Amino acid sequence: KVLTEREKKAKVSLNSLLIKPVQRICKYPLLFRELLKHTSNLKGKGIDDHIKELEHSARVVEELAANVDQIVGESESSETLID
């Protein structure tokens, strides 16, 4: 099927609106920050251990997002040089 120019533009704009899996990674640190903001004042038996696990997970996710961001940036820089 041959796409018209309008159909090609519509497809590109739809693709640009869809979130890519790598973009989801960057949203996880925000989620963990919100979770910690709303749970850090909780007290009770066993809660402290869960809060510590949540804090640890937040740090790991933050590092992961930073690494992904760096790799994507390097990849985009390489593509720019190749073009």
N, C-alpha and C. Protein backbone atom coordinates (compact mmCIF):
# COMPACT_ATOMS: atom_id res chain seq x y z
N LYS A 1 0.85 -1.19 0.00
CA LYS A 1 0.00 0.00 0.00
C LYS A 1 0.89 1.24 0.00
N VAL A 2 0.58 2.16 -0.84
CA VAL A 2 1.33 3.40 -0.92
C VAL A 2 0.64 4.42 -0.01
N LEU A 3 1.43 4.97 0.92
CA LEU A 3 0.88 5.95 1.84
C LEU A 3 0.92 7.34 1.23
N THR A 4 -0.15 8.06 1.45
CA THR A 4 -0.16 9.45 1.00
C THR A 4 0.71 10.27 1.95
N GLU A 5 1.05 11.46 1.53
CA GLU A 5 1.89 12.34 2.37
C GLU A 5 1.20 12.61 3.70
N ARG A 6 -0.10 12.80 3.66
CA ARG A 6 -0.88 13.07 4.89
C ARG A 6 -0.83 11.88 5.84
N GLU A 7 -0.96 10.67 5.30
CA GLU A 7 -0.92 9.46 6.12
C GLU A 7 0.47 9.29 6.75
N LYS A 8 1.50 9.62 5.99
CA LYS A 8 2.86 9.52 6.53
C LYS A 8 3.05 10.49 7.69
N LYS A 9 2.57 11.71 7.54
CA LYS A 9 2.68 12.70 8.62
C LYS A 9 1.89 12.27 9.84
N ALA A 10 0.70 11.72 9.61
CA ALA A 10 -0.13 11.27 10.73
C ALA A 10 0.56 10.13 11.48
N LYS A 11 1.18 9.23 10.76
CA LYS A 11 1.88 8.11 11.39
C LYS A 11 3.05 8.61 12.21
N VAL A 12 3.81 9.53 11.69
CA VAL A 12 4.95 10.08 12.41
C VAL A 12 4.48 10.80 13.67
N SER A 13 3.41 11.59 13.57
CA SER A 13 2.95 12.32 14.74
C SER A 13 2.38 11.37 15.80
N LEU A 14 1.72 10.29 15.38
CA LEU A 14 1.23 9.31 16.34
C LEU A 14 2.40 8.62 17.04
N ASN A 15 3.40 8.22 16.28
CA ASN A 15 4.57 7.58 16.87
C ASN A 15 5.27 8.49 17.86
N SER A 16 5.30 9.77 17.58
CA SER A 16 5.97 10.69 18.49
C SER A 16 5.19 10.88 19.78
N LEU A 17 3.87 10.61 19.74
CA LEU A 17 3.05 10.75 20.95
C LEU A 17 3.12 9.52 21.85
N LEU A 18 3.39 8.38 21.26
CA LEU A 18 3.43 7.14 22.04
C LEU A 18 4.70 7.10 22.88
N ILE A 19 4.54 6.68 24.13
CA ILE A 19 5.70 6.60 25.03
C ILE A 19 6.49 5.35 24.69
N LYS A 20 7.77 5.51 24.64
CA LYS A 20 8.66 4.39 24.34
C LYS A 20 9.08 3.73 25.66
N PRO A 21 9.37 2.44 25.64
CA PRO A 21 9.77 1.77 26.89
C PRO A 21 10.92 2.47 27.61
N VAL A 22 11.88 2.98 26.87
CA VAL A 22 13.02 3.64 27.52
C VAL A 22 12.58 4.92 28.23
N GLN A 23 11.52 5.55 27.74
CA GLN A 23 11.01 6.76 28.38
C GLN A 23 10.33 6.44 29.70
N ARG A 24 9.77 5.24 29.82
CA ARG A 24 9.11 4.85 31.07
C ARG A 24 10.12 4.81 32.22
N ILE A 25 11.33 4.39 31.92
CA ILE A 25 12.36 4.30 32.95
C ILE A 25 12.56 5.65 33.63
N CYS A 26 12.48 6.71 32.87
CA CYS A 26 12.69 8.05 33.42
C CYS A 26 11.54 8.49 34.30
N LYS A 27 10.40 7.83 34.22
CA LYS A 27 9.26 8.17 35.07
C LYS A 27 9.32 7.47 36.42
N TYR A 28 10.04 6.37 36.51
CA TYR A 28 10.09 5.62 37.76
C TYR A 28 10.69 6.40 38.93
N PRO A 29 11.76 7.17 38.73
CA PRO A 29 12.26 7.96 39.87
C PRO A 29 11.21 8.93 40.42
N LEU A 30 10.41 9.49 39.54
CA LEU A 30 9.33 10.38 39.99
C LEU A 30 8.31 9.62 40.83
N LEU A 31 7.99 8.42 40.40
CA LEU A 31 7.06 7.58 41.14
C LEU A 31 7.59 7.26 42.53
N PHE A 32 8.86 6.87 42.60
CA PHE A 32 9.45 6.54 43.90
C PHE A 32 9.52 7.76 44.81
N ARG A 33 9.84 8.93 44.25
CA ARG A 33 9.85 10.15 45.06
C ARG A 33 8.48 10.42 45.67
N GLU A 34 7.45 10.25 44.86
CA GLU A 34 6.09 10.46 45.36
C GLU A 34 5.73 9.44 46.43
N LEU A 35 6.10 8.18 46.19
CA LEU A 35 5.84 7.14 47.19
C LEU A 35 6.53 7.48 48.52
N LEU A 36 7.78 7.88 48.43
CA LEU A 36 8.52 8.21 49.64
C LEU A 36 7.94 9.44 50.33
N LYS A 37 7.50 10.40 49.56
CA LYS A 37 6.93 11.61 50.14
C LYS A 37 5.68 11.28 50.96
N HIS A 38 4.90 10.32 50.48
CA HIS A 38 3.64 9.99 51.14
C HIS A 38 3.76 8.87 52.16
N THR A 39 4.90 8.21 52.22
CA THR A 39 5.05 7.10 53.16
C THR A 39 6.12 7.34 54.22
N SER A 40 6.97 8.33 54.04
CA SER A 40 8.10 8.51 54.96
C SER A 40 7.66 8.88 56.37
N ASN A 41 6.46 9.41 56.53
CA ASN A 41 6.00 9.77 57.87
C ASN A 41 5.23 8.64 58.56
N LEU A 42 5.10 7.50 57.90
CA LEU A 42 4.41 6.37 58.51
C LEU A 42 5.29 5.72 59.56
N LYS A 43 4.71 5.33 60.63
CA LYS A 43 5.41 4.64 61.70
C LYS A 43 4.64 3.39 62.06
N GLY A 44 5.32 2.41 62.53
CA GLY A 44 4.66 1.19 62.96
C GLY A 44 5.58 0.00 62.85
N LYS A 45 5.12 -1.08 63.40
CA LYS A 45 5.92 -2.30 63.41
C LYS A 45 6.14 -2.79 61.98
N GLY A 46 7.39 -2.91 61.60
CA GLY A 46 7.74 -3.42 60.29
C GLY A 46 7.74 -2.37 59.19
N ILE A 47 7.16 -1.22 59.43
CA ILE A 47 7.08 -0.18 58.40
C ILE A 47 8.46 0.37 58.07
N ASP A 48 9.29 0.55 59.10
CA ASP A 48 10.63 1.11 58.89
C ASP A 48 11.44 0.29 57.89
N ASP A 49 11.33 -1.03 57.99
CA ASP A 49 12.05 -1.89 57.05
C ASP A 49 11.56 -1.68 55.62
N HIS A 50 10.26 -1.52 55.46
CA HIS A 50 9.71 -1.30 54.13
C HIS A 50 10.12 0.06 53.58
N ILE A 51 10.16 1.05 54.44
CA ILE A 51 10.59 2.39 54.01
C ILE A 51 12.05 2.34 53.56
N LYS A 52 12.90 1.63 54.30
CA LYS A 52 14.31 1.50 53.91
C LYS A 52 14.43 0.79 52.56
N GLU A 53 13.63 -0.26 52.35
CA GLU A 53 13.66 -0.95 51.06
C GLU A 53 13.20 -0.03 49.94
N LEU A 54 12.19 0.77 50.21
CA LEU A 54 11.69 1.72 49.23
C LEU A 54 12.75 2.78 48.91
N GLU A 55 13.44 3.27 49.94
CA GLU A 55 14.52 4.24 49.73
C GLU A 55 15.65 3.64 48.90
N HIS A 56 16.01 2.39 49.20
CA HIS A 56 17.05 1.71 48.43
C HIS A 56 16.62 1.55 46.97
N SER A 57 15.38 1.11 46.78
CA SER A 57 14.86 0.94 45.42
C SER A 57 14.86 2.27 44.67
N ALA A 58 14.51 3.34 45.36
CA ALA A 58 14.51 4.67 44.74
C ALA A 58 15.90 5.05 44.27
N ARG A 59 16.92 4.77 45.08
CA ARG A 59 18.30 5.07 44.68
C ARG A 59 18.71 4.25 43.46
N VAL A 60 18.37 2.98 43.46
CA VAL A 60 18.73 2.10 42.34
C VAL A 60 18.05 2.57 41.06
N VAL A 61 16.77 2.91 41.15
CA VAL A 61 16.03 3.37 39.97
C VAL A 61 16.58 4.70 39.48
N GLU A 62 16.96 5.57 40.40
CA GLU A 62 17.55 6.86 40.03
C GLU A 62 18.86 6.64 39.26
N GLU A 63 19.70 5.74 39.75
CA GLU A 63 20.97 5.43 39.07
C GLU A 63 20.71 4.81 37.69
N LEU A 64 19.74 3.92 37.63
CA LEU A 64 19.39 3.28 36.36
C LEU A 64 18.93 4.32 35.35
N ALA A 65 18.06 5.22 35.78
CA ALA A 65 17.57 6.26 34.87
C ALA A 65 18.71 7.17 34.41
N ALA A 66 19.62 7.49 35.31
CA ALA A 66 20.77 8.33 34.93
C ALA A 66 21.65 7.62 33.91
N ASN A 67 21.87 6.32 34.12
CA ASN A 67 22.68 5.54 33.17
C ASN A 67 22.01 5.45 31.80
N VAL A 68 20.71 5.20 31.80
CA VAL A 68 19.97 5.13 30.53
C VAL A 68 20.04 6.47 29.82
N ASP A 69 19.85 7.55 30.57
CA ASP A 69 19.91 8.89 29.98
C ASP A 69 21.28 9.15 29.36
N GLN A 70 22.33 8.73 30.05
CA GLN A 70 23.69 8.92 29.52
C GLN A 70 23.90 8.11 28.24
N ILE A 71 23.47 6.87 28.24
CA ILE A 71 23.65 6.00 27.08
C ILE A 71 22.85 6.52 25.89
N VAL A 72 21.61 6.96 26.14
CA VAL A 72 20.80 7.51 25.06
C VAL A 72 21.45 8.77 24.50
N GLY A 73 21.97 9.62 25.38
CA GLY A 73 22.66 10.83 24.93
C GLY A 73 23.87 10.52 24.08
N GLU A 74 24.65 9.54 24.51
CA GLU A 74 25.83 9.13 23.74
C GLU A 74 25.42 8.56 22.38
N SER A 75 24.35 7.78 22.38
CA SER A 75 23.87 7.19 21.13
C SER A 75 23.40 8.27 20.17
N GLU A 76 22.67 9.25 20.69
CA GLU A 76 22.20 10.35 19.84
C GLU A 76 23.38 11.17 19.31
N SER A 77 24.40 11.35 20.13
CA SER A 77 25.59 12.08 19.67
C SER A 77 26.29 11.31 18.55
N SER A 78 26.37 10.01 18.70
CA SER A 78 27.00 9.17 17.66
C SER A 78 26.20 9.24 16.36
N GLU A 79 24.88 9.22 16.47
CA GLU A 79 24.04 9.29 15.27
C GLU A 79 24.21 10.63 14.58
N THR A 80 24.36 11.69 15.36
CA THR A 80 24.54 13.02 14.79
C THR A 80 25.86 13.09 14.03
N LEU A 81 26.90 12.47 14.58
CA LEU A 81 28.20 12.47 13.91
C LEU A 81 28.15 11.67 12.61
N ILE A 82 27.41 10.59 12.61
CA ILE A 82 27.31 9.74 11.43
C ILE A 82 26.54 10.45 10.31
N ASP A 83 25.49 11.18 10.69
CA ASP A 83 24.69 11.90 9.68
C ASP A 83 25.51 13.01 9.12
